[in-house]
């Protein structure tokens, strides 16, 4: 029962991603029928029904009797983001959160490097240096760490990427707490942030993407997730 519940949460998040990230289904669109959709997702019809129920409860989908399941027509980005955040809390442990970072943040760094204004690049560099200062002084860096990553997300100039940051913040907050007693994590953080900033400063998008990926992989390894 617990496994089925967890799977339905995961499928609900996957369907939400089809609406929000992939834009496969737009407001007012009808979802595939139950048989086709469950086969596509490789799940039981029972699990699909439960996932749809979760999204209906969160105001994302609506069931029209005799017609099928539809994405609500009056749907706003804020509402989608809040629902994504709520569903993420149901299914993600610290490793899940870092895997989301690994999927999401290297691409954010890539697009931010291409699209950021000079002022945004300067702000990212400023926050990066401030993180290092706080680490060297033994001060809490959680808030500045969030600002560093949020500014990178904002610099993509993609509204959706920026609004998915609450999920990333969960990983950052837990990572900072776990890293406090691990010197190698802190050392890697300083080095990796410098590398990210260097690539962004010279507008090397591919370098920034790889540096961000290395940064997250280092954290996962140092915190015992791999």
N, C-alpha and C. Protein backbone atom coordinates (compact mmCIF):
# COMPACT_ATOMS: atom_id res chain seq x y z
N UNK A 1 0.84 -1.21 0.00
CA UNK A 1 0.00 0.00 0.00
C UNK A 1 0.87 1.26 0.00
N UNK A 2 1.95 1.23 0.84
CA UNK A 2 2.84 2.40 0.90
C UNK A 2 3.54 2.60 -0.43
N UNK A 3 3.98 1.48 -1.05
CA UNK A 3 4.66 1.58 -2.33
C UNK A 3 3.75 2.13 -3.40
N UNK A 4 2.49 1.69 -3.40
CA UNK A 4 1.51 2.18 -4.36
C UNK A 4 1.25 3.66 -4.17
N UNK A 5 1.18 4.09 -2.90
CA UNK A 5 0.94 5.50 -2.58
C UNK A 5 2.10 6.35 -3.08
N UNK A 6 3.32 5.88 -2.82
CA UNK A 6 4.49 6.63 -3.25
C UNK A 6 4.55 6.71 -4.78
N UNK A 7 4.20 5.64 -5.47
CA UNK A 7 4.23 5.63 -6.92
C UNK A 7 3.20 6.62 -7.48
N UNK A 8 2.02 6.67 -6.87
CA UNK A 8 1.00 7.60 -7.36
C UNK A 8 1.44 9.05 -7.18
N UNK A 9 2.14 9.35 -6.08
CA UNK A 9 2.70 10.69 -5.88
C UNK A 9 3.70 11.01 -6.98
N UNK A 10 4.55 10.03 -7.28
CA UNK A 10 5.57 10.22 -8.31
C UNK A 10 4.94 10.46 -9.68
N UNK A 11 3.89 9.69 -9.99
CA UNK A 11 3.21 9.85 -11.27
C UNK A 11 2.50 11.19 -11.33
N UNK A 12 1.93 11.62 -10.22
CA UNK A 12 1.28 12.94 -10.18
C UNK A 12 2.29 14.03 -10.51
N UNK A 13 3.49 13.92 -9.95
CA UNK A 13 4.55 14.90 -10.23
C UNK A 13 4.97 14.83 -11.70
N UNK A 14 5.02 13.61 -12.24
CA UNK A 14 5.41 13.43 -13.64
C UNK A 14 4.38 14.08 -14.58
N UNK A 15 3.10 13.88 -14.27
CA UNK A 15 2.06 14.49 -15.11
C UNK A 15 2.11 16.01 -14.99
N UNK A 16 2.35 16.48 -13.76
CA UNK A 16 2.46 17.93 -13.55
C UNK A 16 3.62 18.50 -14.37
N UNK A 17 4.72 17.75 -14.44
CA UNK A 17 5.87 18.18 -15.24
C UNK A 17 5.52 18.23 -16.72
N UNK A 18 4.68 17.31 -17.18
CA UNK A 18 4.23 17.33 -18.58
C UNK A 18 3.46 18.62 -18.88
N UNK A 19 2.76 19.12 -17.85
CA UNK A 19 1.97 20.35 -18.02
C UNK A 19 2.86 21.58 -17.90
N UNK A 20 3.75 21.58 -16.90
CA UNK A 20 4.50 22.79 -16.59
C UNK A 20 5.79 22.93 -17.35
N UNK A 21 6.59 21.88 -17.41
CA UNK A 21 7.91 21.96 -18.02
C UNK A 21 7.86 21.64 -19.52
N UNK A 22 7.27 20.48 -19.86
CA UNK A 22 7.23 20.06 -21.26
C UNK A 22 6.14 20.79 -22.04
N UNK A 23 5.13 21.29 -21.32
CA UNK A 23 3.97 21.94 -21.96
C UNK A 23 3.32 21.03 -23.00
N UNK A 24 3.32 19.75 -22.69
CA UNK A 24 2.63 18.79 -23.55
C UNK A 24 1.11 18.99 -23.45
N UNK A 25 0.66 19.30 -22.25
CA UNK A 25 -0.76 19.57 -22.03
C UNK A 25 -0.90 21.02 -21.56
N UNK A 26 -1.70 21.78 -22.27
CA UNK A 26 -1.93 23.18 -21.93
C UNK A 26 -3.27 23.34 -21.23
N UNK A 27 -3.51 24.48 -20.57
CA UNK A 27 -4.82 24.71 -19.94
C UNK A 27 -5.96 24.44 -20.93
N UNK A 28 -6.91 23.61 -20.50
CA UNK A 28 -8.04 23.26 -21.34
C UNK A 28 -7.85 21.98 -22.13
N UNK A 29 -6.61 21.47 -22.21
CA UNK A 29 -6.35 20.24 -22.96
C UNK A 29 -6.88 19.01 -22.23
N UNK A 30 -7.26 18.01 -23.01
CA UNK A 30 -7.71 16.75 -22.44
C UNK A 30 -6.56 15.76 -22.35
N UNK A 31 -6.46 15.04 -21.25
CA UNK A 31 -5.45 14.01 -21.09
C UNK A 31 -5.86 12.78 -21.90
N UNK A 32 -4.90 11.92 -22.27
CA UNK A 32 -5.26 10.68 -22.97
C UNK A 32 -6.21 9.84 -22.12
N UNK A 33 -6.95 8.94 -22.76
CA UNK A 33 -7.85 8.11 -21.97
C UNK A 33 -7.07 7.21 -21.03
N UNK A 34 -7.75 6.70 -20.04
CA UNK A 34 -7.11 5.97 -18.94
C UNK A 34 -6.28 4.78 -19.41
N UNK A 35 -6.81 4.02 -20.35
CA UNK A 35 -6.09 2.83 -20.84
C UNK A 35 -4.79 3.23 -21.54
N UNK A 36 -4.87 4.20 -22.46
CA UNK A 36 -3.68 4.64 -23.21
C UNK A 36 -2.63 5.27 -22.29
N UNK A 37 -3.10 6.12 -21.38
CA UNK A 37 -2.16 6.85 -20.52
C UNK A 37 -1.46 5.92 -19.54
N UNK A 38 -2.19 4.97 -18.97
CA UNK A 38 -1.57 4.03 -18.03
C UNK A 38 -0.55 3.15 -18.74
N UNK A 39 -0.86 2.78 -19.99
CA UNK A 39 0.10 1.97 -20.77
C UNK A 39 1.35 2.79 -21.09
N UNK A 40 1.15 4.06 -21.46
CA UNK A 40 2.29 4.92 -21.76
C UNK A 40 3.20 5.10 -20.56
N UNK A 41 2.59 5.29 -19.39
CA UNK A 41 3.36 5.51 -18.16
C UNK A 41 3.83 4.22 -17.52
N UNK A 42 3.37 3.09 -18.07
CA UNK A 42 3.75 1.76 -17.56
C UNK A 42 3.35 1.58 -16.09
N UNK A 43 2.11 1.94 -15.81
CA UNK A 43 1.58 1.81 -14.46
C UNK A 43 0.18 1.20 -14.54
N UNK A 44 -0.35 0.81 -13.39
CA UNK A 44 -1.71 0.28 -13.36
C UNK A 44 -2.72 1.42 -13.49
N UNK A 45 -3.92 1.08 -13.90
CA UNK A 45 -4.97 2.09 -14.00
C UNK A 45 -5.33 2.63 -12.61
N UNK A 46 -5.19 1.78 -11.59
CA UNK A 46 -5.46 2.21 -10.22
C UNK A 46 -4.50 3.31 -9.79
N UNK A 47 -3.21 3.11 -10.11
CA UNK A 47 -2.20 4.12 -9.77
C UNK A 47 -2.45 5.42 -10.52
N UNK A 48 -2.82 5.32 -11.79
CA UNK A 48 -3.11 6.51 -12.58
C UNK A 48 -4.30 7.27 -11.99
N UNK A 49 -5.34 6.53 -11.60
CA UNK A 49 -6.52 7.19 -11.02
C UNK A 49 -6.14 7.95 -9.75
N UNK A 50 -5.28 7.34 -8.92
CA UNK A 50 -4.86 7.99 -7.68
C UNK A 50 -4.03 9.24 -7.98
N UNK A 51 -3.15 9.15 -8.97
CA UNK A 51 -2.34 10.32 -9.36
C UNK A 51 -3.23 11.45 -9.86
N UNK A 52 -4.22 11.10 -10.65
CA UNK A 52 -5.15 12.12 -11.16
C UNK A 52 -5.95 12.73 -10.02
N UNK A 53 -6.33 11.88 -9.06
CA UNK A 53 -7.08 12.39 -7.90
C UNK A 53 -6.25 13.43 -7.15
N UNK A 54 -4.94 13.18 -7.00
CA UNK A 54 -4.04 14.11 -6.32
C UNK A 54 -4.04 15.46 -7.06
N UNK A 55 -3.95 15.40 -8.39
CA UNK A 55 -3.90 16.63 -9.18
C UNK A 55 -5.24 17.35 -9.22
N UNK A 56 -6.31 16.59 -9.15
CA UNK A 56 -7.64 17.22 -9.07
C UNK A 56 -7.77 17.95 -7.73
N UNK A 57 -7.34 17.29 -6.65
CA UNK A 57 -7.39 17.88 -5.31
C UNK A 57 -6.57 19.16 -5.24
N UNK A 58 -5.45 19.20 -5.98
CA UNK A 58 -4.58 20.38 -5.99
C UNK A 58 -5.01 21.43 -6.99
N UNK A 59 -6.16 21.19 -7.66
CA UNK A 59 -6.68 22.21 -8.57
C UNK A 59 -6.00 22.29 -9.91
N UNK A 60 -5.27 21.23 -10.31
CA UNK A 60 -4.57 21.24 -11.59
C UNK A 60 -5.42 20.62 -12.69
N UNK A 61 -6.09 19.52 -12.36
CA UNK A 61 -6.93 18.83 -13.32
C UNK A 61 -8.39 18.90 -12.89
N UNK A 62 -9.27 18.65 -13.83
CA UNK A 62 -10.68 18.52 -13.50
C UNK A 62 -11.28 17.39 -14.34
N UNK A 63 -12.20 16.67 -13.74
CA UNK A 63 -12.86 15.57 -14.44
C UNK A 63 -14.24 16.03 -14.88
N UNK A 64 -14.48 15.93 -16.18
CA UNK A 64 -15.77 16.31 -16.73
C UNK A 64 -16.52 15.01 -17.06
N UNK A 65 -17.60 14.79 -16.37
CA UNK A 65 -18.36 13.54 -16.52
C UNK A 65 -18.74 13.28 -17.98
N UNK A 66 -18.44 12.07 -18.40
CA UNK A 66 -18.78 11.66 -19.76
C UNK A 66 -17.84 12.18 -20.82
N UNK A 67 -16.87 13.00 -20.42
CA UNK A 67 -15.95 13.60 -21.40
C UNK A 67 -14.49 13.20 -21.15
N UNK A 68 -14.07 13.15 -19.89
CA UNK A 68 -12.70 12.79 -19.59
C UNK A 68 -12.04 13.73 -18.60
N UNK A 69 -10.70 13.68 -18.55
CA UNK A 69 -9.92 14.48 -17.61
C UNK A 69 -9.21 15.61 -18.36
N UNK A 70 -9.34 16.81 -17.84
CA UNK A 70 -8.80 18.00 -18.52
C UNK A 70 -7.90 18.81 -17.59
N UNK A 71 -6.93 19.50 -18.20
CA UNK A 71 -6.16 20.50 -17.46
C UNK A 71 -7.09 21.69 -17.26
N UNK A 72 -7.14 22.21 -16.05
CA UNK A 72 -8.04 23.34 -15.79
C UNK A 72 -7.70 24.52 -16.70
N UNK A 73 -8.72 25.16 -17.19
CA UNK A 73 -8.51 26.28 -18.12
C UNK A 73 -7.94 27.50 -17.43
N UNK A 74 -8.42 27.80 -16.23
CA UNK A 74 -7.93 28.97 -15.50
C UNK A 74 -6.78 28.52 -14.58
N UNK A 75 -5.61 28.37 -15.17
CA UNK A 75 -4.47 27.85 -14.43
C UNK A 75 -3.34 28.85 -14.52
N UNK A 76 -2.73 29.17 -13.38
CA UNK A 76 -1.67 30.18 -13.34
C UNK A 76 -0.36 29.55 -12.87
N UNK A 77 0.75 30.17 -13.25
CA UNK A 77 2.07 29.64 -12.91
C UNK A 77 2.25 29.50 -11.41
N UNK A 78 1.78 30.49 -10.63
CA UNK A 78 1.93 30.42 -9.17
C UNK A 78 1.25 29.18 -8.61
N UNK A 79 0.08 28.88 -9.12
CA UNK A 79 -0.66 27.72 -8.65
C UNK A 79 0.08 26.43 -9.00
N UNK A 80 0.62 26.38 -10.22
CA UNK A 80 1.37 25.20 -10.64
C UNK A 80 2.60 24.99 -9.78
N UNK A 81 3.31 26.08 -9.50
CA UNK A 81 4.53 25.98 -8.71
C UNK A 81 4.23 25.52 -7.31
N UNK A 82 3.18 26.06 -6.69
CA UNK A 82 2.81 25.64 -5.34
C UNK A 82 2.49 24.15 -5.31
N UNK A 83 1.79 23.67 -6.33
CA UNK A 83 1.43 22.25 -6.38
C UNK A 83 2.67 21.39 -6.58
N UNK A 84 3.58 21.84 -7.45
CA UNK A 84 4.82 21.11 -7.66
C UNK A 84 5.59 21.00 -6.36
N UNK A 85 5.63 22.10 -5.61
CA UNK A 85 6.33 22.13 -4.33
C UNK A 85 5.70 21.15 -3.35
N UNK A 86 4.37 21.15 -3.26
CA UNK A 86 3.67 20.26 -2.33
C UNK A 86 3.91 18.80 -2.68
N UNK A 87 3.82 18.47 -3.97
CA UNK A 87 4.01 17.10 -4.38
C UNK A 87 5.45 16.65 -4.15
N UNK A 88 6.38 17.57 -4.34
CA UNK A 88 7.78 17.23 -4.12
C UNK A 88 8.02 16.86 -2.67
N UNK A 89 7.38 17.56 -1.75
CA UNK A 89 7.55 17.27 -0.33
C UNK A 89 7.09 15.86 0.00
N UNK A 90 6.14 15.35 -0.76
CA UNK A 90 5.61 14.02 -0.50
C UNK A 90 6.59 12.93 -0.90
N UNK A 91 7.39 13.18 -1.93
CA UNK A 91 8.14 12.09 -2.52
C UNK A 91 9.66 12.20 -2.40
N UNK A 92 10.20 13.34 -2.02
CA UNK A 92 11.64 13.52 -2.14
C UNK A 92 12.38 13.46 -0.81
N UNK A 93 13.39 12.58 -0.74
CA UNK A 93 14.33 12.63 0.36
C UNK A 93 15.54 13.42 -0.13
N UNK A 94 16.60 13.47 0.69
CA UNK A 94 17.74 14.32 0.33
C UNK A 94 18.40 13.87 -0.97
N UNK A 95 18.49 12.56 -1.19
CA UNK A 95 19.08 12.07 -2.44
C UNK A 95 18.20 12.45 -3.63
N UNK A 96 16.88 12.31 -3.47
CA UNK A 96 15.96 12.72 -4.53
C UNK A 96 16.16 14.19 -4.89
N UNK A 97 16.30 15.02 -3.85
CA UNK A 97 16.45 16.45 -4.07
C UNK A 97 17.73 16.77 -4.83
N UNK A 98 18.82 16.08 -4.47
CA UNK A 98 20.08 16.34 -5.15
C UNK A 98 20.05 15.83 -6.59
N UNK A 99 19.31 14.76 -6.83
CA UNK A 99 19.17 14.29 -8.21
C UNK A 99 18.39 15.31 -9.05
N UNK A 100 17.39 15.94 -8.44
CA UNK A 100 16.66 17.01 -9.13
C UNK A 100 17.62 18.16 -9.46
N UNK A 101 18.49 18.49 -8.50
CA UNK A 101 19.48 19.54 -8.76
C UNK A 101 20.38 19.16 -9.93
N UNK A 102 20.78 17.88 -9.98
CA UNK A 102 21.68 17.42 -11.03
C UNK A 102 21.03 17.52 -12.40
N UNK A 103 19.72 17.31 -12.46
CA UNK A 103 18.98 17.43 -13.72
C UNK A 103 18.77 18.89 -14.11
N UNK A 104 18.50 19.70 -13.12
CA UNK A 104 17.99 21.06 -13.33
C UNK A 104 19.09 22.13 -13.41
N UNK A 105 20.00 22.14 -12.45
CA UNK A 105 20.90 23.30 -12.29
C UNK A 105 22.00 23.43 -13.34
N UNK A 106 22.58 22.33 -13.86
CA UNK A 106 23.57 22.53 -14.92
C UNK A 106 22.99 23.25 -16.14
N UNK A 107 21.73 22.89 -16.49
CA UNK A 107 21.10 23.56 -17.62
C UNK A 107 20.78 25.02 -17.30
N UNK A 108 20.38 25.27 -16.05
CA UNK A 108 20.13 26.65 -15.63
C UNK A 108 21.41 27.47 -15.75
N UNK A 109 22.54 26.89 -15.33
CA UNK A 109 23.82 27.60 -15.43
C UNK A 109 24.17 27.88 -16.89
N UNK A 110 23.88 26.92 -17.75
CA UNK A 110 24.16 27.08 -19.19
C UNK A 110 23.39 28.27 -19.76
N UNK A 111 22.07 28.28 -19.54
CA UNK A 111 21.25 29.34 -20.12
C UNK A 111 21.48 30.69 -19.45
N UNK A 112 21.78 30.66 -18.16
CA UNK A 112 22.08 31.91 -17.46
C UNK A 112 23.34 32.55 -18.03
N UNK A 113 24.33 31.74 -18.33
CA UNK A 113 25.58 32.27 -18.88
C UNK A 113 25.35 32.92 -20.24
N UNK A 114 24.45 32.37 -21.01
CA UNK A 114 24.13 32.93 -22.32
C UNK A 114 23.27 34.19 -22.24
N UNK A 115 22.34 34.22 -21.27
CA UNK A 115 21.30 35.24 -21.27
C UNK A 115 21.45 36.33 -20.21
N UNK A 116 22.27 36.10 -19.21
CA UNK A 116 22.37 37.05 -18.10
C UNK A 116 22.86 38.42 -18.58
N UNK A 117 22.35 39.45 -17.94
CA UNK A 117 22.87 40.79 -18.18
C UNK A 117 24.21 40.90 -17.44
N UNK A 118 24.99 41.91 -17.79
CA UNK A 118 26.26 42.11 -17.09
C UNK A 118 26.03 42.34 -15.60
N UNK A 119 24.94 43.02 -15.27
CA UNK A 119 24.62 43.27 -13.87
C UNK A 119 24.30 41.97 -13.13
N UNK A 120 23.59 41.07 -13.80
CA UNK A 120 23.26 39.79 -13.17
C UNK A 120 24.52 38.95 -12.95
N UNK A 121 25.42 38.96 -13.93
CA UNK A 121 26.68 38.23 -13.75
C UNK A 121 27.45 38.79 -12.56
N UNK A 122 27.49 40.11 -12.45
CA UNK A 122 28.19 40.75 -11.33
C UNK A 122 27.57 40.35 -10.00
N UNK A 123 26.25 40.25 -9.97
CA UNK A 123 25.56 39.88 -8.74
C UNK A 123 25.86 38.43 -8.36
N UNK A 124 25.89 37.55 -9.34
CA UNK A 124 26.23 36.14 -9.09
C UNK A 124 27.63 36.04 -8.51
N UNK A 125 28.56 36.78 -9.10
CA UNK A 125 29.95 36.77 -8.62
C UNK A 125 30.04 37.31 -7.19
N UNK A 126 29.25 38.33 -6.91
CA UNK A 126 29.25 38.92 -5.57
C UNK A 126 28.76 37.91 -4.53
N UNK A 127 27.66 37.22 -4.85
CA UNK A 127 27.13 36.23 -3.92
C UNK A 127 28.11 35.07 -3.73
N UNK A 128 28.76 34.67 -4.82
CA UNK A 128 29.74 33.59 -4.72
C UNK A 128 30.88 33.94 -3.78
N UNK A 129 31.37 35.17 -3.89
CA UNK A 129 32.46 35.62 -3.00
C UNK A 129 31.99 35.72 -1.56
N UNK A 130 30.73 36.14 -1.37
CA UNK A 130 30.18 36.26 -0.03
C UNK A 130 30.03 34.89 0.63
N UNK A 131 29.67 33.88 -0.15
CA UNK A 131 29.59 32.50 0.38
C UNK A 131 30.94 32.08 0.92
N UNK A 132 31.99 32.35 0.12
CA UNK A 132 33.34 31.97 0.54
C UNK A 132 33.75 32.70 1.82
N UNK A 133 33.40 33.98 1.92
CA UNK A 133 33.71 34.75 3.12
C UNK A 133 33.02 34.16 4.35
N UNK A 134 31.76 33.78 4.19
CA UNK A 134 31.01 33.23 5.32
C UNK A 134 31.57 31.87 5.73
N UNK A 135 31.97 31.06 4.75
CA UNK A 135 32.59 29.77 5.07
C UNK A 135 33.87 29.98 5.85
N UNK A 136 34.71 30.92 5.41
CA UNK A 136 35.98 31.19 6.08
C UNK A 136 35.79 31.73 7.49
N UNK A 137 34.68 32.44 7.71
CA UNK A 137 34.39 33.00 9.04
C UNK A 137 33.57 32.05 9.92
N UNK A 138 33.19 30.90 9.35
CA UNK A 138 32.40 29.95 10.11
C UNK A 138 30.96 30.40 10.33
N UNK A 139 30.46 31.26 9.44
CA UNK A 139 29.10 31.79 9.57
C UNK A 139 28.13 30.98 8.72
N UNK A 140 26.85 31.04 9.09
CA UNK A 140 25.81 30.35 8.32
C UNK A 140 25.70 30.97 6.93
N UNK A 141 25.79 30.13 5.90
CA UNK A 141 25.77 30.63 4.53
C UNK A 141 24.49 30.27 3.80
N UNK A 142 23.52 29.68 4.49
CA UNK A 142 22.32 29.16 3.83
C UNK A 142 21.64 30.20 2.96
N UNK A 143 21.38 31.38 3.52
CA UNK A 143 20.64 32.41 2.80
C UNK A 143 21.40 32.88 1.56
N UNK A 144 22.71 33.08 1.71
CA UNK A 144 23.52 33.56 0.58
C UNK A 144 23.64 32.46 -0.47
N UNK A 145 23.72 31.21 -0.01
CA UNK A 145 23.78 30.08 -0.94
C UNK A 145 22.50 30.05 -1.80
N UNK A 146 21.37 30.29 -1.15
CA UNK A 146 20.10 30.35 -1.88
C UNK A 146 20.10 31.49 -2.89
N UNK A 147 20.60 32.65 -2.47
CA UNK A 147 20.64 33.81 -3.36
C UNK A 147 21.53 33.55 -4.58
N UNK A 148 22.65 32.87 -4.35
CA UNK A 148 23.58 32.54 -5.43
C UNK A 148 22.87 31.71 -6.50
N UNK A 149 22.20 30.64 -6.04
CA UNK A 149 21.54 29.74 -6.98
C UNK A 149 20.27 30.36 -7.56
N UNK A 150 19.56 31.14 -6.77
CA UNK A 150 18.35 31.80 -7.28
C UNK A 150 18.72 32.81 -8.37
N UNK A 151 19.80 33.56 -8.16
CA UNK A 151 20.20 34.57 -9.14
C UNK A 151 20.59 33.92 -10.46
N UNK A 152 21.23 32.75 -10.38
CA UNK A 152 21.55 32.01 -11.60
C UNK A 152 20.25 31.60 -12.30
N UNK A 153 19.29 31.10 -11.52
CA UNK A 153 18.00 30.70 -12.10
C UNK A 153 17.29 31.89 -12.74
N UNK A 154 17.29 33.01 -12.05
CA UNK A 154 16.63 34.21 -12.58
C UNK A 154 17.30 34.68 -13.86
N UNK A 155 18.61 34.50 -13.93
CA UNK A 155 19.36 34.98 -15.10
C UNK A 155 19.10 34.14 -16.35
N UNK A 156 18.40 33.02 -16.22
CA UNK A 156 17.99 32.28 -17.41
C UNK A 156 16.89 33.03 -18.16
N UNK A 157 16.21 33.94 -17.43
CA UNK A 157 15.07 34.68 -17.99
C UNK A 157 13.98 33.72 -18.47
N UNK A 158 13.87 32.63 -17.74
CA UNK A 158 12.80 31.66 -17.96
C UNK A 158 11.98 31.63 -16.68
N UNK A 159 10.76 32.13 -16.75
CA UNK A 159 9.94 32.29 -15.54
C UNK A 159 9.73 30.98 -14.81
N UNK A 160 9.59 29.91 -15.53
CA UNK A 160 9.31 28.64 -14.92
C UNK A 160 10.50 28.09 -14.14
N UNK A 161 11.70 28.24 -14.70
CA UNK A 161 12.91 27.78 -14.01
C UNK A 161 13.03 28.50 -12.68
N UNK A 162 12.83 29.81 -12.68
CA UNK A 162 12.94 30.59 -11.45
C UNK A 162 11.92 30.13 -10.41
N UNK A 163 10.72 29.81 -10.85
CA UNK A 163 9.65 29.46 -9.91
C UNK A 163 9.76 28.03 -9.38
N UNK A 164 10.64 27.23 -9.94
CA UNK A 164 10.86 25.90 -9.40
C UNK A 164 11.92 25.90 -8.28
N UNK A 165 12.47 27.07 -7.97
CA UNK A 165 13.54 27.16 -6.99
C UNK A 165 13.18 26.66 -5.59
N UNK A 166 11.93 26.75 -5.12
CA UNK A 166 11.65 26.21 -3.77
C UNK A 166 12.08 24.77 -3.59
N UNK A 167 11.99 23.96 -4.64
CA UNK A 167 12.44 22.58 -4.55
C UNK A 167 13.95 22.53 -4.36
N UNK A 168 14.67 23.37 -5.10
CA UNK A 168 16.13 23.42 -5.00
C UNK A 168 16.55 23.90 -3.61
N UNK A 169 15.80 24.86 -3.05
CA UNK A 169 16.12 25.37 -1.73
C UNK A 169 16.10 24.27 -0.67
N UNK A 170 15.21 23.32 -0.82
CA UNK A 170 15.16 22.21 0.14
C UNK A 170 16.49 21.46 0.16
N UNK A 171 17.02 21.20 -1.04
CA UNK A 171 18.30 20.49 -1.15
C UNK A 171 19.44 21.33 -0.60
N UNK A 172 19.44 22.63 -0.92
CA UNK A 172 20.50 23.52 -0.45
C UNK A 172 20.50 23.58 1.07
N UNK A 173 19.34 23.76 1.67
CA UNK A 173 19.24 23.87 3.12
C UNK A 173 19.75 22.61 3.82
N UNK A 174 19.31 21.47 3.33
CA UNK A 174 19.74 20.21 3.95
C UNK A 174 21.22 19.95 3.71
N UNK A 175 21.68 20.32 2.51
CA UNK A 175 23.08 20.13 2.18
C UNK A 175 24.00 20.95 3.07
N UNK A 176 23.61 22.20 3.35
CA UNK A 176 24.41 23.06 4.22
C UNK A 176 24.50 22.45 5.62
N UNK A 177 23.38 21.98 6.13
CA UNK A 177 23.36 21.37 7.46
C UNK A 177 24.26 20.14 7.52
N UNK A 178 24.14 19.27 6.51
CA UNK A 178 24.93 18.04 6.49
C UNK A 178 26.42 18.31 6.29
N UNK A 179 26.75 19.41 5.61
CA UNK A 179 28.15 19.68 5.28
C UNK A 179 28.92 20.36 6.41
N UNK A 180 28.22 20.81 7.43
CA UNK A 180 28.88 21.57 8.50
C UNK A 180 29.99 20.78 9.19
N UNK A 181 29.84 19.45 9.24
CA UNK A 181 30.84 18.62 9.92
C UNK A 181 31.76 17.91 8.94
N UNK A 182 31.67 18.27 7.67
CA UNK A 182 32.50 17.60 6.65
C UNK A 182 33.36 18.64 5.94
N UNK A 183 34.62 18.67 6.29
CA UNK A 183 35.55 19.67 5.74
C UNK A 183 35.68 19.57 4.23
N UNK A 184 35.68 18.33 3.72
CA UNK A 184 35.87 18.15 2.27
C UNK A 184 34.71 18.75 1.48
N UNK A 185 33.51 18.73 2.05
CA UNK A 185 32.35 19.32 1.37
C UNK A 185 32.54 20.82 1.22
N UNK A 186 32.97 21.45 2.31
CA UNK A 186 33.17 22.91 2.30
C UNK A 186 34.28 23.29 1.33
N UNK A 187 35.37 22.52 1.34
CA UNK A 187 36.49 22.79 0.43
C UNK A 187 36.05 22.68 -1.03
N UNK A 188 35.31 21.62 -1.32
CA UNK A 188 34.81 21.43 -2.69
C UNK A 188 33.85 22.55 -3.10
N UNK A 189 33.02 22.99 -2.14
CA UNK A 189 32.06 24.06 -2.43
C UNK A 189 32.78 25.32 -2.87
N UNK A 190 33.82 25.70 -2.14
CA UNK A 190 34.59 26.90 -2.48
C UNK A 190 35.20 26.77 -3.87
N UNK A 191 35.87 25.64 -4.11
CA UNK A 191 36.53 25.42 -5.39
C UNK A 191 35.53 25.39 -6.53
N UNK A 192 34.43 24.67 -6.34
CA UNK A 192 33.44 24.51 -7.41
C UNK A 192 32.74 25.83 -7.73
N UNK A 193 32.42 26.60 -6.70
CA UNK A 193 31.78 27.90 -6.93
C UNK A 193 32.71 28.82 -7.73
N UNK A 194 33.98 28.78 -7.39
CA UNK A 194 34.94 29.60 -8.13
C UNK A 194 34.95 29.22 -9.61
N UNK A 195 34.90 27.92 -9.87
CA UNK A 195 34.93 27.43 -11.25
C UNK A 195 33.67 27.86 -12.01
N UNK A 196 32.53 27.73 -11.36
CA UNK A 196 31.27 28.17 -11.98
C UNK A 196 31.34 29.65 -12.32
N UNK A 197 31.81 30.44 -11.37
CA UNK A 197 31.86 31.89 -11.57
C UNK A 197 32.84 32.27 -12.68
N UNK A 198 33.97 31.58 -12.74
CA UNK A 198 34.96 31.89 -13.77
C UNK A 198 34.38 31.66 -15.17
N UNK A 199 33.68 30.55 -15.34
CA UNK A 199 33.10 30.25 -16.65
C UNK A 199 31.98 31.24 -16.99
N UNK A 200 31.16 31.59 -15.99
CA UNK A 200 30.07 32.52 -16.25
C UNK A 200 30.60 33.91 -16.58
N UNK A 201 31.66 34.30 -15.91
CA UNK A 201 32.23 35.64 -16.12
C UNK A 201 32.73 35.82 -17.56
N UNK A 202 33.28 34.73 -18.14
CA UNK A 202 33.79 34.83 -19.52
C UNK A 202 32.75 34.33 -20.54
N UNK A 203 31.53 34.10 -20.06
CA UNK A 203 30.41 33.70 -20.92
C UNK A 203 30.66 32.37 -21.63
N UNK A 204 31.27 31.44 -20.90
CA UNK A 204 31.48 30.09 -21.42
C UNK A 204 30.35 29.21 -20.88
N UNK A 205 29.27 29.10 -21.65
CA UNK A 205 28.07 28.41 -21.18
C UNK A 205 28.31 26.92 -20.95
N UNK A 206 29.03 26.28 -21.86
CA UNK A 206 29.29 24.84 -21.73
C UNK A 206 30.15 24.58 -20.49
N UNK A 207 31.13 25.45 -20.26
CA UNK A 207 31.97 25.32 -19.08
C UNK A 207 31.17 25.48 -17.80
N UNK A 208 30.26 26.46 -17.78
CA UNK A 208 29.42 26.70 -16.61
C UNK A 208 28.52 25.51 -16.34
N UNK A 209 27.96 24.93 -17.40
CA UNK A 209 27.11 23.75 -17.25
C UNK A 209 27.91 22.60 -16.61
N UNK A 210 29.10 22.33 -17.13
CA UNK A 210 29.92 21.23 -16.60
C UNK A 210 30.38 21.50 -15.17
N UNK A 211 30.72 22.75 -14.89
CA UNK A 211 31.17 23.11 -13.55
C UNK A 211 30.05 22.92 -12.53
N UNK A 212 28.83 23.28 -12.91
CA UNK A 212 27.70 23.10 -12.00
C UNK A 212 27.43 21.61 -11.79
N UNK A 213 27.54 20.83 -12.84
CA UNK A 213 27.33 19.38 -12.72
C UNK A 213 28.37 18.77 -11.78
N UNK A 214 29.62 19.17 -11.95
CA UNK A 214 30.70 18.68 -11.08
C UNK A 214 30.43 19.09 -9.63
N UNK A 215 29.97 20.31 -9.44
CA UNK A 215 29.68 20.82 -8.09
C UNK A 215 28.65 19.93 -7.38
N UNK A 216 27.59 19.60 -8.07
CA UNK A 216 26.53 18.80 -7.45
C UNK A 216 26.98 17.35 -7.26
N UNK A 217 27.73 16.81 -8.23
CA UNK A 217 28.25 15.45 -8.08
C UNK A 217 29.23 15.37 -6.91
N UNK A 218 30.05 16.40 -6.73
CA UNK A 218 30.96 16.44 -5.58
C UNK A 218 30.17 16.39 -4.27
N UNK A 219 29.12 17.21 -4.20
CA UNK A 219 28.30 17.26 -2.98
C UNK A 219 27.66 15.91 -2.70
N UNK A 220 27.13 15.28 -3.74
CA UNK A 220 26.49 13.98 -3.56
C UNK A 220 27.49 12.92 -3.07
N UNK A 221 28.69 12.97 -3.64
CA UNK A 221 29.73 12.01 -3.22
C UNK A 221 30.19 12.30 -1.79
N UNK A 222 30.46 13.56 -1.49
CA UNK A 222 30.95 13.93 -0.17
C UNK A 222 29.93 13.67 0.93
N UNK A 223 28.63 13.77 0.58
CA UNK A 223 27.58 13.54 1.56
C UNK A 223 27.09 12.09 1.57
N UNK A 224 27.81 11.23 0.83
CA UNK A 224 27.52 9.80 0.89
C UNK A 224 26.30 9.38 0.10
N UNK A 225 25.96 10.08 -0.97
CA UNK A 225 24.77 9.73 -1.76
C UNK A 225 25.10 8.87 -2.96
N UNK A 226 26.38 8.67 -3.25
CA UNK A 226 26.76 7.85 -4.41
C UNK A 226 27.67 6.72 -3.98
